Protein backbone atom coordinates (compact mmCIF):
# COMPACT_ATOMS: atom_id res chain seq x y z
CA MET A 1 94.91 -26.71 -19.47
CA MET A 2 94.89 -29.83 -17.24
CA ALA A 3 96.37 -28.11 -14.06
CA ALA A 4 92.95 -26.17 -14.49
CA ALA A 5 90.85 -28.19 -14.42
CA THR A 6 91.48 -30.30 -11.78
CA LEU A 7 91.41 -26.70 -9.67
CA ASP A 8 89.23 -27.25 -6.52
CA ARG A 9 87.60 -24.21 -5.47
CA SER A 10 84.38 -25.57 -3.91
CA LEU A 11 84.47 -23.96 0.06
CA SER A 12 84.43 -27.16 2.84
CA ASP A 13 82.80 -26.74 5.54
CA ALA A 14 86.56 -27.20 7.31
CA ASP A 15 87.90 -24.21 5.79
CA PHE A 16 84.53 -22.15 6.42
CA ARG A 17 84.82 -22.67 9.78
CA LEU A 18 88.24 -21.68 9.42
CA PHE A 19 87.16 -17.87 7.96
CA GLN A 20 84.29 -17.70 10.17
CA LYS A 21 87.34 -18.02 13.23
CA LEU A 22 89.71 -15.39 11.05
CA PHE A 23 87.18 -12.84 10.43
CA TYR A 24 85.39 -12.84 14.06
CA GLU A 25 88.86 -12.58 15.13
CA ALA A 26 90.03 -9.71 12.76
CA ILE A 27 86.86 -7.59 12.66
CA GLY A 28 84.03 -9.35 15.09
CA LEU A 29 82.18 -10.65 11.68
CA HIS A 30 79.89 -13.21 12.68
CA LEU A 31 79.17 -15.54 9.55
CA SER A 32 76.48 -17.92 10.33
CA ALA A 33 76.42 -21.26 8.51
CA GLN A 34 73.90 -19.47 6.07
CA LYS A 35 76.52 -17.43 4.70
CA LYS A 36 78.69 -20.05 3.09
CA MET A 37 77.49 -19.00 -0.09
CA LEU A 38 78.22 -15.54 -0.11
CA VAL A 39 81.43 -16.15 0.92
CA THR A 40 82.27 -18.44 -1.73
CA GLY A 41 81.00 -16.04 -4.54
CA ARG A 42 82.66 -13.11 -3.30
CA LEU A 43 86.27 -14.74 -2.44
CA ASN A 44 86.52 -16.84 -5.41
CA LYS A 45 87.08 -14.03 -7.90
CA ARG A 46 90.25 -13.08 -5.48
CA LEU A 47 91.40 -16.73 -5.68
CA GLY A 48 91.74 -16.59 -9.62
CA GLN A 49 93.12 -13.39 -9.70
CA LEU A 50 96.37 -14.62 -7.32
CA GLY A 51 96.31 -17.95 -9.25
CA LEU A 52 95.26 -19.81 -6.43
CA PRO A 53 94.00 -23.19 -6.41
CA SER A 54 92.03 -23.81 -3.36
CA PHE A 55 90.41 -21.67 -0.14
CA ARG A 56 92.26 -23.79 2.19
CA ALA A 57 95.73 -21.38 0.12
CA TYR A 58 94.10 -18.49 0.16
CA TYR A 59 93.17 -18.73 4.21
CA ASP A 60 97.12 -19.79 4.39
CA LEU A 61 97.74 -16.22 2.96
CA LEU A 62 95.47 -14.65 4.93
CA ALA A 63 96.40 -16.39 8.17
CA GLY A 64 100.29 -15.19 7.38
CA ASP A 65 99.56 -11.41 6.07
CA THR A 66 101.56 -9.47 8.42
CA GLY A 67 101.09 -6.48 6.60
CA GLY A 68 97.42 -7.00 6.20
CA GLU A 69 97.23 -5.60 2.88
CA GLU A 70 95.52 -9.05 1.38
CA MET A 71 93.55 -9.21 5.19
CA GLN A 72 92.17 -5.83 3.60
CA GLN A 73 91.49 -6.71 0.46
CA ALA A 74 89.36 -9.82 2.04
CA ILE A 75 87.62 -7.96 4.37
CA ASP A 76 86.34 -5.36 1.38
CA LEU A 77 85.10 -8.26 -0.46
CA ILE A 78 83.14 -9.66 2.84
CA THR A 79 81.23 -6.99 4.03
CA THR A 80 78.04 -5.03 3.10
CA ASN A 81 78.11 -1.49 2.13
CA GLU A 82 74.26 -0.94 1.28
CA THR A 83 73.68 2.20 1.66
CA PHE A 84 71.66 5.31 0.97
CA PHE A 85 71.04 9.25 1.47
CA PHE A 86 68.59 10.16 4.33
CA ARG A 87 68.35 6.61 4.95
CA GLU A 88 65.67 6.22 7.73
CA ASN A 89 64.93 9.66 7.81
CA LYS A 90 63.23 9.95 11.09
CA HIS A 91 66.92 10.12 12.69
CA PHE A 92 67.36 12.95 10.77
CA ASP A 93 64.26 15.16 11.59
CA ILE A 94 65.64 14.40 15.40
CA LEU A 95 68.63 15.70 14.63
CA LYS A 96 67.44 19.03 12.98
CA LYS A 97 64.43 19.43 15.83
CA ASP A 98 65.99 18.37 18.71
CA ILE A 99 69.49 17.92 18.49
CA ILE A 100 70.88 21.11 16.66
CA PRO A 101 68.28 23.66 19.12
CA ALA A 102 69.47 21.80 22.12
CA ARG A 103 72.88 22.72 21.61
CA PRO A 104 74.45 25.06 24.07
CA PRO A 105 75.99 28.63 22.90
CA GLY A 106 79.60 27.83 21.83
CA HIS A 107 79.38 24.37 21.69
CA THR A 108 80.83 22.05 18.81
CA LEU A 109 78.63 19.38 18.25
CA LYS A 110 80.68 16.30 17.76
CA VAL A 111 79.26 13.47 15.34
CA TRP A 112 80.30 10.33 14.56
CA SER A 113 79.47 7.93 11.59
CA ALA A 114 80.49 4.84 12.51
CA ALA A 115 80.07 2.78 9.46
CA CYS A 116 79.80 5.32 7.24
CA SER A 117 80.39 3.05 4.19
CA THR A 118 80.35 4.83 0.83
CA GLY A 119 79.60 8.43 2.66
CA GLU A 120 75.58 8.52 2.02
CA GLU A 121 75.03 8.99 5.73
CA PRO A 122 78.03 11.44 6.39
CA TYR A 123 77.03 13.82 3.88
CA SER A 124 73.38 13.58 4.66
CA ILE A 125 74.49 14.33 8.07
CA ALA A 126 76.70 17.18 6.96
CA MET A 127 73.95 18.90 4.67
CA VAL A 128 71.55 19.26 7.93
CA LEU A 129 74.15 20.90 10.42
CA HIS A 130 75.60 23.23 7.52
CA GLN A 131 72.04 23.93 6.75
CA ALA A 132 71.55 24.96 10.34
CA LEU A 133 74.84 25.79 11.97
CA GLY A 134 77.25 26.77 8.68
CA ASN A 135 80.32 26.17 8.45
CA SER A 136 81.13 26.14 12.18
CA GLY A 137 79.59 24.84 15.58
CA TRP A 138 79.92 21.50 14.25
CA GLU A 139 82.65 18.46 13.39
CA LEU A 140 81.63 15.16 11.80
CA GLN A 141 84.23 12.30 11.97
CA ALA A 142 83.24 8.96 9.48
CA THR A 143 84.82 5.52 9.57
CA ASP A 144 84.67 2.33 7.96
CA ILE A 145 86.71 -0.77 8.06
CA SER A 146 86.67 -1.33 4.46
CA THR A 147 89.07 0.76 2.68
CA ARG A 148 87.61 0.52 -0.62
CA VAL A 149 84.45 2.45 0.17
CA LEU A 150 86.07 5.26 2.48
CA GLN A 151 87.94 5.63 -0.77
CA LYS A 152 84.42 6.39 -3.04
CA ALA A 153 83.23 8.52 0.42
CA ARG A 154 86.39 10.86 0.04
CA ARG A 155 85.61 11.49 -3.50
CA GLY A 156 81.57 12.47 -3.15
CA LEU A 157 80.65 11.16 -6.27
CA TYR A 158 77.51 9.59 -7.37
CA PRO A 159 74.75 8.36 -9.79
CA MET A 160 72.20 10.65 -10.45
CA ASP A 161 69.92 7.39 -9.46
CA ARG A 162 71.10 7.88 -6.02
CA ILE A 163 70.00 10.99 -4.95
CA ASP A 164 66.31 10.37 -4.43
CA GLY A 165 66.27 10.70 -0.82
CA ILE A 166 67.85 14.14 -0.78
CA PRO A 167 65.23 16.36 -0.09
CA PRO A 168 65.18 19.57 -2.87
CA GLU A 169 66.08 22.51 -1.11
CA LEU A 170 69.67 20.29 0.38
CA LEU A 171 69.99 18.87 -3.23
CA LYS A 172 69.91 22.52 -5.27
CA THR A 173 72.64 23.89 -2.25
CA TYR A 174 75.16 20.63 -1.51
CA CYS A 175 75.06 19.15 -5.24
CA LEU A 176 76.40 19.36 -8.02
CA ARG A 177 75.19 17.88 -11.32
CA GLY A 178 77.85 16.22 -13.56
CA ARG A 179 78.72 17.57 -16.59
CA GLY A 180 80.78 15.90 -19.71
CA GLU A 181 82.41 12.55 -18.45
CA TYR A 182 80.44 12.78 -15.66
CA GLU A 183 76.93 13.28 -17.08
CA GLY A 184 74.82 11.10 -14.91
CA MET A 185 76.70 11.68 -11.69
CA LEU A 186 76.63 14.40 -8.75
CA LEU A 187 79.35 15.92 -7.01
CA ILE A 188 78.86 16.50 -3.25
CA ASP A 189 79.78 20.32 -2.71
CA LYS A 190 83.64 20.69 -1.71
CA ALA A 191 82.59 22.67 1.44
CA LEU A 192 81.01 19.80 2.86
CA ARG A 193 83.43 16.96 1.24
CA ASP A 194 86.48 19.05 3.59
CA LYS A 195 84.03 19.19 6.89
CA VAL A 196 83.67 15.44 6.77
CA GLN A 197 86.90 13.71 8.13
CA PHE A 198 87.07 10.42 6.93
CA ALA A 199 89.27 7.34 8.46
CA GLN A 200 89.27 3.81 8.63
CA LEU A 201 88.76 1.91 11.61
CA ASN A 202 88.14 -1.45 13.55
CA LEU A 203 85.13 -1.48 15.77
CA MET A 204 86.72 -4.02 17.65
CA SER A 205 89.68 -1.83 18.44
CA ILE A 206 88.28 2.04 18.80
CA PRO A 207 91.35 4.47 20.14
CA ALA A 208 90.99 6.03 23.51
CA ASP A 209 91.25 9.71 22.07
CA MET A 210 87.91 9.19 20.34
CA ARG A 211 85.42 10.50 22.70
CA GLY A 212 83.20 13.36 23.32
CA PHE A 213 80.61 12.48 21.33
CA ASP A 214 77.43 14.01 21.21
CA LEU A 215 75.78 11.71 18.54
CA VAL A 216 76.72 8.51 16.97
CA PHE A 217 75.42 6.85 14.20
CA LEU A 218 75.99 3.00 14.41
CA ARG A 219 73.14 1.77 11.89
CA ASN A 220 73.15 -1.62 10.54
CA VAL A 221 76.39 -2.83 12.10
CA ILE A 222 75.65 -4.97 15.23
CA ILE A 223 73.22 -7.01 13.45
CA TYR A 224 76.41 -8.67 12.01
CA PHE A 225 77.63 -9.42 15.81
CA ASP A 226 77.43 -12.16 18.03
CA ASN A 227 76.02 -10.96 21.46
CA GLU A 228 79.54 -11.10 23.10
CA THR A 229 80.83 -8.63 20.61
CA LYS A 230 77.98 -6.95 19.98
CA GLN A 231 77.82 -5.82 23.85
CA ARG A 232 81.92 -5.18 23.69
CA VAL A 233 81.38 -2.89 20.80
CA LEU A 234 78.12 -0.94 22.03
CA ASN A 235 80.27 -1.06 25.83
CA THR A 236 82.89 1.21 23.92
CA ILE A 237 80.80 3.53 21.76
CA CYS A 238 78.60 4.39 25.43
CA ASP A 239 81.88 5.27 26.94
CA ARG A 240 82.79 7.49 23.96
CA LEU A 241 79.42 9.06 24.25
CA ARG A 242 78.71 12.52 26.83
CA PRO A 243 76.45 12.35 29.28
CA GLY A 244 73.07 12.80 27.39
CA GLY A 245 74.60 12.15 24.30
CA TRP A 246 72.46 10.68 21.25
CA LEU A 247 73.18 7.00 19.89
CA PHE A 248 71.04 5.59 16.93
CA LEU A 249 70.73 2.15 15.86
CA GLY A 250 69.13 0.89 12.55
CA HIS A 251 65.77 -0.03 12.50
CA SER A 252 66.16 -3.34 12.36
CA GLU A 253 68.41 -3.33 15.12
CA SER A 254 67.82 -4.30 19.21
CA LEU A 255 69.33 -3.54 22.42
CA ALA A 256 67.70 -6.54 24.05
CA GLY A 257 69.21 -8.41 26.32
CA MET A 258 72.68 -5.68 26.55
CA ASN A 259 73.73 -4.30 29.51
CA VAL A 260 73.87 -0.52 28.41
CA PRO A 261 73.82 2.85 29.91
CA LEU A 262 71.29 3.79 27.51
CA VAL A 263 67.74 5.32 27.52
CA ALA A 264 65.42 4.03 24.72
CA VAL A 265 63.50 7.82 23.14
CA SER A 266 62.16 5.84 20.72
CA PRO A 267 62.40 2.65 18.49
CA SER A 268 66.63 2.89 17.37
CA VAL A 269 66.92 6.10 19.15
CA TYR A 270 68.59 5.70 22.50
CA ARG A 271 70.49 8.55 24.71
CA ARG A 272 73.19 7.93 27.33
CA ARG A 273 71.99 8.13 30.97
CA ALA A 274 73.86 10.96 32.66
CA ALA A 275 74.08 9.44 35.86
CA THR A 276 76.80 6.74 34.84
CA ALA A 277 78.43 9.08 32.82
CA ALA A 278 82.25 9.63 32.61
CA SER A 279 83.66 12.49 30.18
């Protein structure tokens, strides 16, 4: 009892700076001074689970985590994963009315949901694509830094209170109401779950063979980066877009001050300049 009473689980400014540097170097996450309380709250329970006496002890564990398992645990705890079906609905209208009808005959639309969280975004995209094109003519890759949310996304099982944004005709076609132990839950149709390819990915190290996308959803991600990291990630994303390919950002995000080969179509919607493109 005495040992437990002497534990110091407050996060000092010096230790917080260590975590700032650690997460920045690992995933490009910029933690401002205002995030100190958030870091304290989200990591404190993990310290207790591991029986560690202080945040410095946890930092030392992460810094020496050669296998990466504990670092992934910390990333899962720190990253924010707020999302819902058909969020920022205007983007889905553009997909339906502008992008899909302009698809050249025989061309497979390649779409990437680059921060898919628990899956609501890619499943929303998949519903629109499948309704218009059926099971062929498109492919959808969905990635996130967090393995925890990817596990939920692959399962495709959601509380009924999460479905408000799904249009009624799509809800009826692509969603199954849970029964028995799954009462109050909704399951995404297996045809869509099979079409979406989920994978863990750090946007700071995008593989070279991930390219040729017609559309990238990079929404509500770059707000967590400083300008240097934002520029780096956007440069890579643009390189992965086809000439004339589309990029969707979150409505609260801006490319002000960024040097990128993109043309604004409307707020948060951009297309890659064909003149500067390399396939």
